Every structure is written in structure tokens, then in C-alpha cells.
C-alpha atoms as a PDB file:
ATOM      1  CA  MET A   1      75.731 238.590 171.928  1.00  0.00           C
ATOM      2  CA  ALA A   2      77.452 240.259 174.880  1.00  0.00           C
ATOM      3  CA  LEU A   3      75.207 239.595 177.729  1.00  0.00           C
ATOM      4  CA  GLU A   4      74.837 235.945 176.476  1.00  0.00           C
ATOM      5  CA  ILE A   5      75.490 234.094 179.719  1.00  0.00           C
ATOM      6  CA  ASN A   6      75.169 230.208 180.491  1.00  0.00           C
ATOM      7  CA  LEU A   7      73.944 229.798 184.201  1.00  0.00           C
ATOM      8  CA  SER A   8      73.999 226.513 183.621  1.00  0.00           C
ATOM      9  CA  GLU A   9      77.703 226.730 182.749  1.00  0.00           C
ATOM     10  CA  LEU A  10      78.544 229.246 185.308  1.00  0.00           C
ATOM     11  CA  ARG A  11      77.477 226.287 187.921  1.00  0.00           C
ATOM     12  CA  ALA A  12      79.251 223.584 186.550  1.00  0.00           C
ATOM     13  CA  SER A  13      82.100 225.579 186.804  1.00  0.00           C
ATOM     14  CA  MET A  14      81.838 225.691 190.270  1.00  0.00           C
ATOM     15  CA  SER A  15      81.569 222.327 190.931  1.00  0.00           C
ATOM     16  CA  THR A  16      84.889 221.549 189.105  1.00  0.00           C
ATOM     17  CA  GLN A  17      86.375 224.524 191.157  1.00  0.00           C
ATOM     18  CA  SER A  18      89.783 223.140 193.174  1.00  0.00           C
ATOM     19  CA  THR A  19      89.186 223.368 197.030  1.00  0.00           C
ATOM     20  CA  GLN A  20      92.702 224.772 197.108  1.00  0.00           C
ATOM     21  CA  PRO A  21      93.074 228.651 197.695  1.00  0.00           C
ATOM     22  CA  VAL A  22      93.272 230.095 194.339  1.00  0.00           C
ATOM     23  CA  LYS A  23      95.322 233.717 194.233  1.00  0.00           C
ATOM     24  CA  VAL A  24      93.228 235.773 192.189  1.00  0.00           C
ATOM     25  CA  GLU A  25      94.353 239.469 190.991  1.00  0.00           C
ATOM     26  CA  VAL A  26      91.484 241.555 192.270  1.00  0.00           C
ATOM     27  CA  PRO A  27      90.240 243.818 189.342  1.00  0.00           C
ATOM     28  CA  PRO A  28      91.292 247.796 189.455  1.00  0.00           C
ATOM     29  CA  ASN A  29      89.066 249.890 191.922  1.00  0.00           C
ATOM     30  CA  ILE A  30      86.193 251.736 189.674  1.00  0.00           C
ATOM     31  CA  ILE A  31      86.275 254.577 191.750  1.00  0.00           C
ATOM     32  CA  ALA A  32      90.232 255.357 191.474  1.00  0.00           C
ATOM     33  CA  SER A  33      89.740 254.839 187.460  1.00  0.00           C
ATOM     34  CA  ASN A  34      89.720 257.352 185.391  1.00  0.00           C
ATOM     35  CA  VAL A  35      86.598 257.452 183.475  1.00  0.00           C
ATOM     36  CA  ASN A  36      87.955 257.181 180.268  1.00  0.00           C
ATOM     37  CA  VAL A  37      88.778 253.910 180.932  1.00  0.00           C
ATOM     38  CA  PHE A  38      85.462 252.934 180.515  1.00  0.00           C
ATOM     39  CA  SER A  39      83.888 251.374 177.515  1.00  0.00           C
ATOM     40  CA  GLY A  40      82.313 248.196 175.734  1.00  0.00           C
ATOM     41  CA  ASP A  41      81.429 245.372 178.307  1.00  0.00           C
ATOM     42  CA  LEU A  42      81.939 245.829 181.453  1.00  0.00           C
ATOM     43  CA  LEU A  43      82.242 243.608 184.611  1.00  0.00           C
ATOM     44  CA  LEU A  44      81.852 245.380 188.282  1.00  0.00           C
ATOM     45  CA  THR A  45      82.392 242.936 191.418  1.00  0.00           C
ATOM     46  CA  CYS A  46      82.633 243.373 194.959  1.00  0.00           C
ATOM     47  CA  SER A  47      86.437 243.262 196.250  1.00  0.00           C
ATOM     48  CA  TYR A  48      85.753 239.868 197.586  1.00  0.00           C
ATOM     49  CA  SER A  49      83.653 237.624 194.875  1.00  0.00           C
ATOM     50  CA  PRO A  50      86.980 236.996 193.143  1.00  0.00           C
ATOM     51  CA  GLU A  51      88.565 234.862 195.563  1.00  0.00           C
ATOM     52  CA  ILE A  52      85.201 233.446 196.486  1.00  0.00           C
ATOM     53  CA  SER A  53      84.852 231.444 193.002  1.00  0.00           C
ATOM     54  CA  PRO A  54      87.803 232.621 190.862  1.00  0.00           C
ATOM     55  CA  THR A  55      86.014 230.571 188.204  1.00  0.00           C
ATOM     56  CA  VAL A  56      82.648 232.283 188.260  1.00  0.00           C
ATOM     57  CA  PHE A  57      84.863 235.608 188.071  1.00  0.00           C
ATOM     58  CA  GLN A  58      87.426 234.320 185.392  1.00  0.00           C
ATOM     59  CA  ASN A  59      83.928 233.323 183.083  1.00  0.00           C
ATOM     60  CA  LEU A  60      82.249 236.605 183.370  1.00  0.00           C
ATOM     61  CA  ALA A  61      85.210 238.518 182.817  1.00  0.00           C
ATOM     62  CA  ARG A  62      85.965 237.030 180.029  1.00  0.00           C
ATOM     63  CA  GLY A  63      85.753 239.499 177.042  1.00  0.00           C
ATOM     64  CA  ARG A  64      84.896 242.073 179.632  1.00  0.00           C
ATOM     65  CA  ARG A  65      86.893 244.971 181.353  1.00  0.00           C
ATOM     66  CA  ALA A  66      86.598 244.146 185.324  1.00  0.00           C
ATOM     67  CA  PHE A  67      86.195 246.339 187.939  1.00  0.00           C
ATOM     68  CA  SER A  68      86.264 246.006 191.704  1.00  0.00           C
ATOM     69  CA  PHE A  69      84.307 248.016 194.276  1.00  0.00           C
ATOM     70  CA  CYS A  70      84.991 247.426 198.399  1.00  0.00           C
ATOM     71  CA  PRO A  71      81.846 248.856 199.677  1.00  0.00           C
ATOM     72  CA  GLU A  72      83.125 248.750 203.459  1.00  0.00           C
ATOM     73  CA  LEU A  73      85.787 251.297 201.966  1.00  0.00           C
ATOM     74  CA  THR A  74      84.411 253.326 200.294  1.00  0.00           C
ATOM     75  CA  HIS A  75      80.932 255.120 200.458  1.00  0.00           C
ATOM     76  CA  LEU A  76      78.075 254.030 198.104  1.00  0.00           C
ATOM     77  CA  ASP A  77      76.898 257.349 196.774  1.00  0.00           C
ATOM     78  CA  LYS A  78      80.547 257.551 195.410  1.00  0.00           C
ATOM     79  CA  LEU A  79      79.899 254.392 193.265  1.00  0.00           C
ATOM     80  CA  GLY A  80      76.240 255.949 192.345  1.00  0.00           C
ATOM     81  CA  PHE A  81      78.188 259.075 190.868  1.00  0.00           C
ATOM     82  CA  LYS A  82      80.679 257.023 188.973  1.00  0.00           C
ATOM     83  CA  LEU A  83      78.312 254.695 187.524  1.00  0.00           C
ATOM     84  CA  CYS A  84      75.931 257.772 186.394  1.00  0.00           C
ATOM     85  CA  THR A  85      79.203 259.485 184.684  1.00  0.00           C
ATOM     86  CA  ILE A  86      80.333 256.688 183.272  1.00  0.00           C
ATOM     87  CA  PHE A  87      76.677 255.480 181.737  1.00  0.00           C
ATOM     88  CA  ARG A  88      76.400 259.348 180.551  1.00  0.00           C
ATOM     89  CA  LEU A  89      79.402 258.915 178.314  1.00  0.00           C
ATOM     90  CA  LYS A  90      77.760 256.293 176.593  1.00  0.00           C
ATOM     91  CA  ARG A  91      80.638 254.192 175.675  1.00  0.00           C
ATOM     92  CA  VAL A  92      79.774 251.300 177.679  1.00  0.00           C
ATOM     93  CA  THR A  93      77.726 248.746 175.695  1.00  0.00           C
ATOM     94  CA  SER A  94      77.127 245.928 178.484  1.00  0.00           C
ATOM     95  CA  LEU A  95      77.934 245.412 182.100  1.00  0.00           C
ATOM     96  CA  VAL A  96      77.523 242.428 184.042  1.00  0.00           C
ATOM     97  CA  VAL A  97      77.669 242.537 187.905  1.00  0.00           C
ATOM     98  CA  LEU A  98      79.014 239.967 190.391  1.00  0.00           C
ATOM     99  CA  THR A  99      78.519 240.396 194.118  1.00  0.00           C
ATOM    100  CA  LYS A 100      78.110 238.109 197.416  1.00  0.00           C
ATOM    101  CA  ASP A 101      74.506 237.804 198.744  1.00  0.00           C
ATOM    102  CA  GLY A 102      74.123 237.983 202.308  1.00  0.00           C
ATOM    103  CA  SER A 103      76.684 240.562 202.373  1.00  0.00           C
ATOM    104  CA  PRO A 104      74.462 243.946 204.049  1.00  0.00           C
ATOM    105  CA  HIS A 105      77.215 245.997 201.869  1.00  0.00           C
ATOM    106  CA  SER A 106      77.644 244.076 198.621  1.00  0.00           C
ATOM    107  CA  MET A 107      74.156 243.887 198.050  1.00  0.00           C
ATOM    108  CA  GLN A 108      73.733 247.489 198.168  1.00  0.00           C
ATOM    109  CA  ILE A 109      75.963 247.407 194.649  1.00  0.00           C
ATOM    110  CA  PRO A 110      72.985 246.161 192.323  1.00  0.00           C
ATOM    111  CA  LEU A 111      70.861 248.614 193.808  1.00  0.00           C
ATOM    112  CA  MET A 112      73.582 251.537 192.917  1.00  0.00           C
ATOM    113  CA  VAL A 113      73.896 249.962 189.448  1.00  0.00           C
ATOM    114  CA  GLN A 114      69.818 250.299 189.079  1.00  0.00           C
ATOM    115  CA  GLU A 115      69.637 253.668 190.292  1.00  0.00           C
ATOM    116  CA  ALA A 116      72.431 254.926 188.162  1.00  0.00           C
ATOM    117  CA  ALA A 117      71.347 253.282 184.652  1.00  0.00           C
ATOM    118  CA  GLU A 118      67.504 254.411 185.538  1.00  0.00           C
ATOM    119  CA  ASP A 119      68.869 257.937 186.295  1.00  0.00           C
ATOM    120  CA  VAL A 120      70.709 258.336 183.021  1.00  0.00           C
ATOM    121  CA  GLY A 121      68.232 256.859 180.888  1.00  0.00           C
ATOM    122  CA  PHE A 122      70.812 253.322 180.492  1.00  0.00           C
ATOM    123  CA  ASP A 123      69.541 250.513 179.056  1.00  0.00           C
ATOM    124  CA  LYS A 124      68.857 247.890 181.890  1.00  0.00           C
ATOM    125  CA  ASN A 125      68.407 244.952 179.209  1.00  0.00           C
ATOM    126  CA  ASN A 126      71.923 245.558 178.895  1.00  0.00           C
ATOM    127  CA  ILE A 127      72.790 244.648 182.583  1.00  0.00           C
ATOM    128  CA  ARG A 128      72.649 240.946 184.149  1.00  0.00           C
ATOM    129  CA  TYR A 129      73.183 240.537 187.863  1.00  0.00           C
ATOM    130  CA  PHE A 130      74.730 237.577 189.216  1.00  0.00           C
ATOM    131  CA  CYS A 131      75.592 236.701 193.259  1.00  0.00           C
ATOM    132  CA  LEU A 132      77.223 233.937 195.189  1.00  0.00           C
ATOM    133  CA  GLU A 133      75.733 232.388 198.003  1.00  0.00           C
ATOM    134  CA  GLY A 134      76.061 228.899 199.828  1.00  0.00           C
ATOM    135  CA  GLY A 135      78.151 227.516 197.068  1.00  0.00           C
ATOM    136  CA  GLN A 136      76.457 228.852 194.027  1.00  0.00           C
ATOM    137  CA  VAL A 137      75.689 231.106 191.756  1.00  0.00           C
ATOM    138  CA  HIS A 138      72.362 232.839 191.308  1.00  0.00           C
ATOM    139  CA  GLU A 139      70.859 235.334 188.728  1.00  0.00           C
ATOM    140  CA  ILE A 140      69.087 238.106 189.977  1.00  0.00           C
ATOM    141  CA  ALA A 141      66.552 240.172 188.092  1.00  0.00           C
ATOM    142  CA  ASP A 142      66.317 243.357 187.916  1.00  0.00           C
ATOM    143  CA  LEU A 143      62.889 243.391 189.546  1.00  0.00           C
ATOM    144  CA  ALA A 144      64.140 241.465 192.599  1.00  0.00           C
ATOM    145  CA  ILE A 145      66.601 244.391 193.136  1.00  0.00           C
ATOM    146  CA  ARG A 146      63.588 246.944 192.838  1.00  0.00           C
ATOM    147  CA  LYS A 147      62.002 244.602 195.220  1.00  0.00           C
ATOM    148  CA  ALA A 148      65.390 245.217 197.472  1.00  0.00           C
ATOM    149  CA  ARG A 149      64.611 248.858 197.916  1.00  0.00           C
ATOM    150  CA  HIS A 150      60.773 248.262 199.310  1.00  0.00           C
ATOM    151  CA  TYR A 151      60.799 246.146 202.920  1.00  0.00           C
ATOM    152  CA  SER A 152      57.108 245.960 202.880  1.00  0.00           C
ATOM    153  CA  GLU A 153      57.398 244.401 199.668  1.00  0.00           C
ATOM    154  CA  ILE A 154      59.899 241.544 200.556  1.00  0.00           C
ATOM    155  CA  GLU A 155      57.631 241.209 203.784  1.00  0.00           C
ATOM    156  CA  LYS A 156      54.538 240.066 201.668  1.00  0.00           C
ATOM    157  CA  LEU A 157      57.049 237.521 199.819  1.00  0.00           C
ATOM    158  CA  LEU A 158      58.487 235.997 203.020  1.00  0.00           C
ATOM    159  CA  PRO A 159      55.497 233.447 203.523  1.00  0.00           C
ATOM    160  CA  PHE A 160      55.716 231.927 199.912  1.00  0.00           C
ATOM    161  CA  ALA A 161      59.608 231.749 200.540  1.00  0.00           C
ATOM    162  CA  LYS A 162      59.108 229.982 203.938  1.00  0.00           C
ATOM    163  CA  LEU A 163      56.614 227.497 202.652  1.00  0.00           C
ATOM    164  CA  HIS A 164      59.287 227.050 199.375  1.00  0.00           C
ATOM    165  CA  LYS A 165      62.055 226.139 202.080  1.00  0.00           C
ATOM    166  CA  VAL A 166      59.648 224.128 204.486  1.00  0.00           C
ATOM    167  CA  THR A 167      59.078 221.687 201.498  1.00  0.00           C
ATOM    168  CA  GLN A 168      62.418 221.254 200.455  1.00  0.00           C
ATOM    169  CA  ILE A 169      63.414 220.488 203.727  1.00  0.00           C
ATOM    170  CA  LEU A 170      60.844 218.276 203.968  1.00  0.00           C
ATOM    171  CA  ARG A 171      61.747 216.272 200.573  1.00  0.00           C
ATOM    172  CA  SER A 172      65.149 216.337 201.858  1.00  0.00           C
ATOM    173  CA  PRO A 173      67.256 213.142 203.030  1.00  0.00           C
ATOM    174  CA  GLU A 174      66.518 214.417 206.402  1.00  0.00           C
ATOM    175  CA  GLY A 175      63.092 215.250 205.916  1.00  0.00           C
ATOM    176  CA  CYS A 176      59.733 213.412 206.383  1.00  0.00           C
ATOM    177  CA  PRO A 177      59.524 209.891 204.850  1.00  0.00           C
ATOM    178  CA  ASN A 178      55.804 210.288 203.808  1.00  0.00           C
ATOM    179  CA  ASP A 179      56.591 213.716 202.107  1.00  0.00           C
ATOM    180  CA  ARG A 180      59.895 212.060 200.264  1.00  0.00           C
ATOM    181  CA  ALA A 181      57.341 208.940 199.215  1.00  0.00           C
ATOM    182  CA  GLU A 182      54.959 211.261 196.977  1.00  0.00           C
ATOM    183  CA  THR A 183      54.503 211.366 193.795  1.00  0.00           C
ATOM    184  CA  TYR A 184      52.916 213.019 190.982  1.00  0.00           C
ATOM    185  CA  GLU A 185      50.164 210.295 190.983  1.00  0.00           C
ATOM    186  CA  SER A 186      50.218 210.276 194.634  1.00  0.00           C
ATOM    187  CA  ILE A 187      50.019 214.284 194.949  1.00  0.00           C
ATOM    188  CA  VAL A 188      46.932 213.967 192.353  1.00  0.00           C
ATOM    189  CA  LYS A 189      45.000 212.097 194.394  1.00  0.00           C
ATOM    190  CA  ASN A 190      45.785 214.243 197.634  1.00  0.00           C
ATOM    191  CA  LEU A 191      44.368 217.444 195.852  1.00  0.00           C
ATOM    192  CA  GLU A 192      41.378 215.795 195.091  1.00  0.00           C
ATOM    193  CA  GLU A 193      40.322 215.156 198.654  1.00  0.00           C
ATOM    194  CA  GLU A 194      41.698 218.619 199.369  1.00  0.00           C
ATOM    195  CA  VAL A 195      39.382 220.333 196.758  1.00  0.00           C
ATOM    196  CA  ALA A 196      36.490 218.286 198.269  1.00  0.00           C
ATOM    197  CA  GLU A 197      37.562 219.428 201.753  1.00  0.00           C
ATOM    198  CA  ILE A 198      37.863 223.279 200.250  1.00  0.00           C
ATOM    199  CA  LYS A 199      34.048 222.835 198.830  1.00  0.00           C
ATOM    200  CA  ALA A 200      32.758 221.532 202.524  1.00  0.00           C
ATOM    201  CA  GLY A 201      34.476 224.496 204.041  1.00  0.00           C
ATOM    202  CA  VAL A 202      32.598 226.627 201.494  1.00  0.00           C
ATOM    203  CA  GLU A 203      29.479 225.248 201.895  1.00  0.00           C
ATOM    204  CA  ASN A 204      29.643 225.705 205.724  1.00  0.00           C
ATOM    205  CA  LYS A 205      30.927 229.036 205.788  1.00  0.00           C
ATOM    206  CA  ASP A 206      33.742 228.071 208.055  1.00  0.00           C
ATOM    207  CA  THR A 207      36.378 230.252 207.484  1.00  0.00           C
ATOM    208  CA  GLU A 208      39.345 228.793 209.267  1.00  0.00           C
ATOM    209  CA  ASN A 209      38.698 225.554 208.129  1.00  0.00           C
ATOM    210  CA  LEU A 210      38.838 227.035 204.145  1.00  0.00           C
ATOM    211  CA  ILE A 211      42.114 228.856 205.294  1.00  0.00           C
ATOM    212  CA  GLU A 212      43.472 225.342 206.686  1.00  0.00           C
ATOM    213  CA  GLU A 213      42.555 223.525 203.453  1.00  0.00           C
ATOM    214  CA  ILE A 214      43.412 226.085 200.756  1.00  0.00           C
ATOM    215  CA  GLY A 215      46.885 225.787 202.604  1.00  0.00           C
ATOM    216  CA  ASP A 216      46.794 221.943 202.079  1.00  0.00           C
ATOM    217  CA  VAL A 217      45.864 222.422 198.242  1.00  0.00           C
ATOM    218  CA  LEU A 218      48.898 224.980 198.439  1.00  0.00           C
ATOM    219  CA  PHE A 219      51.227 222.627 200.069  1.00  0.00           C
ATOM    220  CA  ASN A 220      50.693 219.703 197.575  1.00  0.00           C
ATOM    221  CA  LEU A 221      51.128 222.016 194.570  1.00  0.00           C
ATOM    222  CA  TYR A 222      54.417 223.472 196.223  1.00  0.00           C
ATOM    223  CA  LEU A 223      55.427 219.551 196.900  1.00  0.00           C
ATOM    224  CA  MET A 224      54.538 218.595 193.130  1.00  0.00           C
ATOM    225  CA  SER A 225      56.965 221.860 191.956  1.00  0.00           C
ATOM    226  CA  GLN A 226      59.597 220.197 194.192  1.00  0.00           C
ATOM    227  CA  ILE A 227      59.491 216.829 192.915  1.00  0.00           C
ATOM    228  CA  ALA A 228      59.667 218.350 189.293  1.00  0.00           C
ATOM    229  CA  ASP A 229      62.831 221.014 190.659  1.00  0.00           C
ATOM    230  CA  GLU A 230      64.377 217.666 191.938  1.00  0.00           C
ATOM    231  CA  GLU A 231      64.231 216.278 188.424  1.00  0.00           C
ATOM    232  CA  GLY A 232      65.385 219.537 186.535  1.00  0.00           C
ATOM    233  CA  LYS A 233      61.818 220.134 184.696  1.00  0.00           C
ATOM    234  CA  PHE A 234      60.681 223.178 186.589  1.00  0.00           C
ATOM    235  CA  ASP A 235      60.207 224.602 189.973  1.00  0.00           C
ATOM    236  CA  ILE A 236      57.477 226.724 191.404  1.00  0.00           C
ATOM    237  CA  THR A 237      58.960 230.165 190.564  1.00  0.00           C
ATOM    238  CA  THR A 238      58.482 229.043 186.996  1.00  0.00           C
ATOM    239  CA  VAL A 239      54.705 227.868 187.631  1.00  0.00           C
ATOM    240  CA  VAL A 240      53.942 231.062 189.653  1.00  0.00           C
ATOM    241  CA  ASP A 241      55.303 233.244 186.818  1.00  0.00           C
ATOM    242  CA  ARG A 242      53.784 231.693 183.821  1.00  0.00           C
ATOM    243  CA  VAL A 243      50.698 232.110 185.172  1.00  0.00           C
ATOM    244  CA  ALA A 244      50.570 235.575 185.828  1.00  0.00           C
ATOM    245  CA  ASP A 245      52.124 235.784 182.371  1.00  0.00           C
ATOM    246  CA  LYS A 246      49.091 233.452 181.350  1.00  0.00           C
ATOM    247  CA  MET A 247      46.565 235.674 183.101  1.00  0.00           C
ATOM    248  CA  ILE A 248      47.736 238.976 181.526  1.00  0.00           C
ATOM    249  CA  ARG A 249      47.877 237.632 178.124  1.00  0.00           C
ATOM    250  CA  ASN A 250      44.021 236.615 178.654  1.00  0.00           C
ATOM    251  CA  HIS A 251      42.980 239.797 180.087  1.00  0.00           C
ATOM    252  CA  GLU A 252      44.737 242.149 177.831  1.00  0.00           C
ATOM    253  CA  SER A 253      42.070 244.832 177.471  1.00  0.00           C
ATOM    254  CA  ILE A 254      42.563 245.397 181.536  1.00  0.00           C
ATOM    255  CA  PHE A 255      46.182 245.109 182.037  1.00  0.00           C
ATOM    256  CA  ALA A 256      47.341 246.471 178.411  1.00  0.00           C
ATOM    257  CA  PRO A 257      46.557 250.554 179.973  1.00  0.00           C
ATOM    258  CA  LEU A 258      48.060 249.817 183.358  1.00  0.00           C
ATOM    259  CA  GLN A 259      51.913 250.734 184.724  1.00  0.00           C
ATOM    260  CA  LEU A 260      52.626 247.672 186.573  1.00  0.00           C
ATOM    261  CA  LYS A 261      55.502 247.288 189.247  1.00  0.00           C
ATOM    262  CA  TYR A 262      55.228 243.312 188.895  1.00  0.00           C
END
């Protein structure tokens, strides 16, 4: 299949990437290209991603016709109009997007791709998004791009991202010796103690204590998931995603009629 891209292999290619500068030819500008050349499987990249990681770019370009877009030089509306035209022609089978995360200009490219696909009814299952950040390649879900349109929703997610980062730092070589010494077994004991303290907070109707103890339980769950992530088993994102899906499955009569944004 056109979109069968192995993220682990992409990341492995970055680890073998030469530290010496590699000259990579930037693909043709998508705006300057005639619409008749767009067909089959495409790769759309910001103009500087190929130079940042030639191996990732070359892997994603394999079997695809690559095009570039420089958001600093061309207004993003032009990209949106071009993409709408490309999708309307119905000759494109799939589209892979590669950008640089952290760049306010580059981050707008996936938004324009998503909006254009939705505007003309292009199947978004045929689009995959990747970004380069901190010497790593990440895949970005369609839902994450939709969230990026709404600052209020991102604001609600930031505390969870903050706790995730705090946990990673505490488990790092420069982190806390006590947290680094934790194991699944020791965390289970911690949880037993914290749950007992939650019970006391409920019985005493002590709201402030309840907030603190629920937070302690949450931290221990993040800590356990961080250990699993370090072992290559799973991470907190997998845990949260699966329990949400489980609750939806277990309450099908409630969720079936709903049009969920999440």
C-alpha cells in the first residue's frame, strides 16, 4: 500500500545519517508546477526539511513524486487553492507531508492540507503527516492537526504534556535518584498508599487534600508508563487512548449517536 510507512525504520535511518552536510536537491515548487503533473502518490515537504534530514526525505520520497513549498516566500492561501485544485482532479492516490516542527510557518502546511482535503472531500485516510524535531521524526495524527486550529483545546492539553515532561526529566540520568530507582513493584506499593490517602480525603471532605492525592496517583501512573516507555513497551499516550476507546466500546448505546470531536 502507498501509505505503508514504517516509523521505526524512518527513525533508524536518522541514527545512521551522516554528520557531514549532504547536498539534497529541493523538489519542484508545488505552486509553480502545472496541475497536470500531479497524479499517483505525492510527497509535499517544506523547502528546508530535505536538508535537515536527507535520509527521512529520501525514504519518504521513494515511490512518490516530491514537491516543496516555502511558506516564508509564498502566502499559505495560495497553497490551499493549489491543493484544492489538485484534489479535485482526483488523480492523486495519496499524499505524505514532511515539515519541521517548531517553525510557525512550516506548521501551517499540514493545516492547509487538511482543510483542502476536507473542502473537496479527499479521503483523509490517504494522507499521512510527519515532522522533524530535535533530531527525531514524529508522525502527527489528523486529529492533532485539527486540534492545532483551536488554541483553547491545546490549552487544556498542556498540563498533561507538562506532567509527561516532568516525569521524563525526573527519570533522566540528571533527574531524581529516588524516581530513577522506582520499579513497577515499588510504584504499586506507592499507589496502594496514595489510594488510602484519597479515601481519607473523601471521608474528611478535604478538597485540597483530595486534589493533592489524586495528583500523586496520577504522577505514579505517569511514572509507571515512563518506565514502560524506556523499555520500549508502551507510553502514557497509549494508555490514555486505549482506556478512552474501551469506555466508548463499553457504552456503545451512549456514544453511537454522538458526533465526537475527539
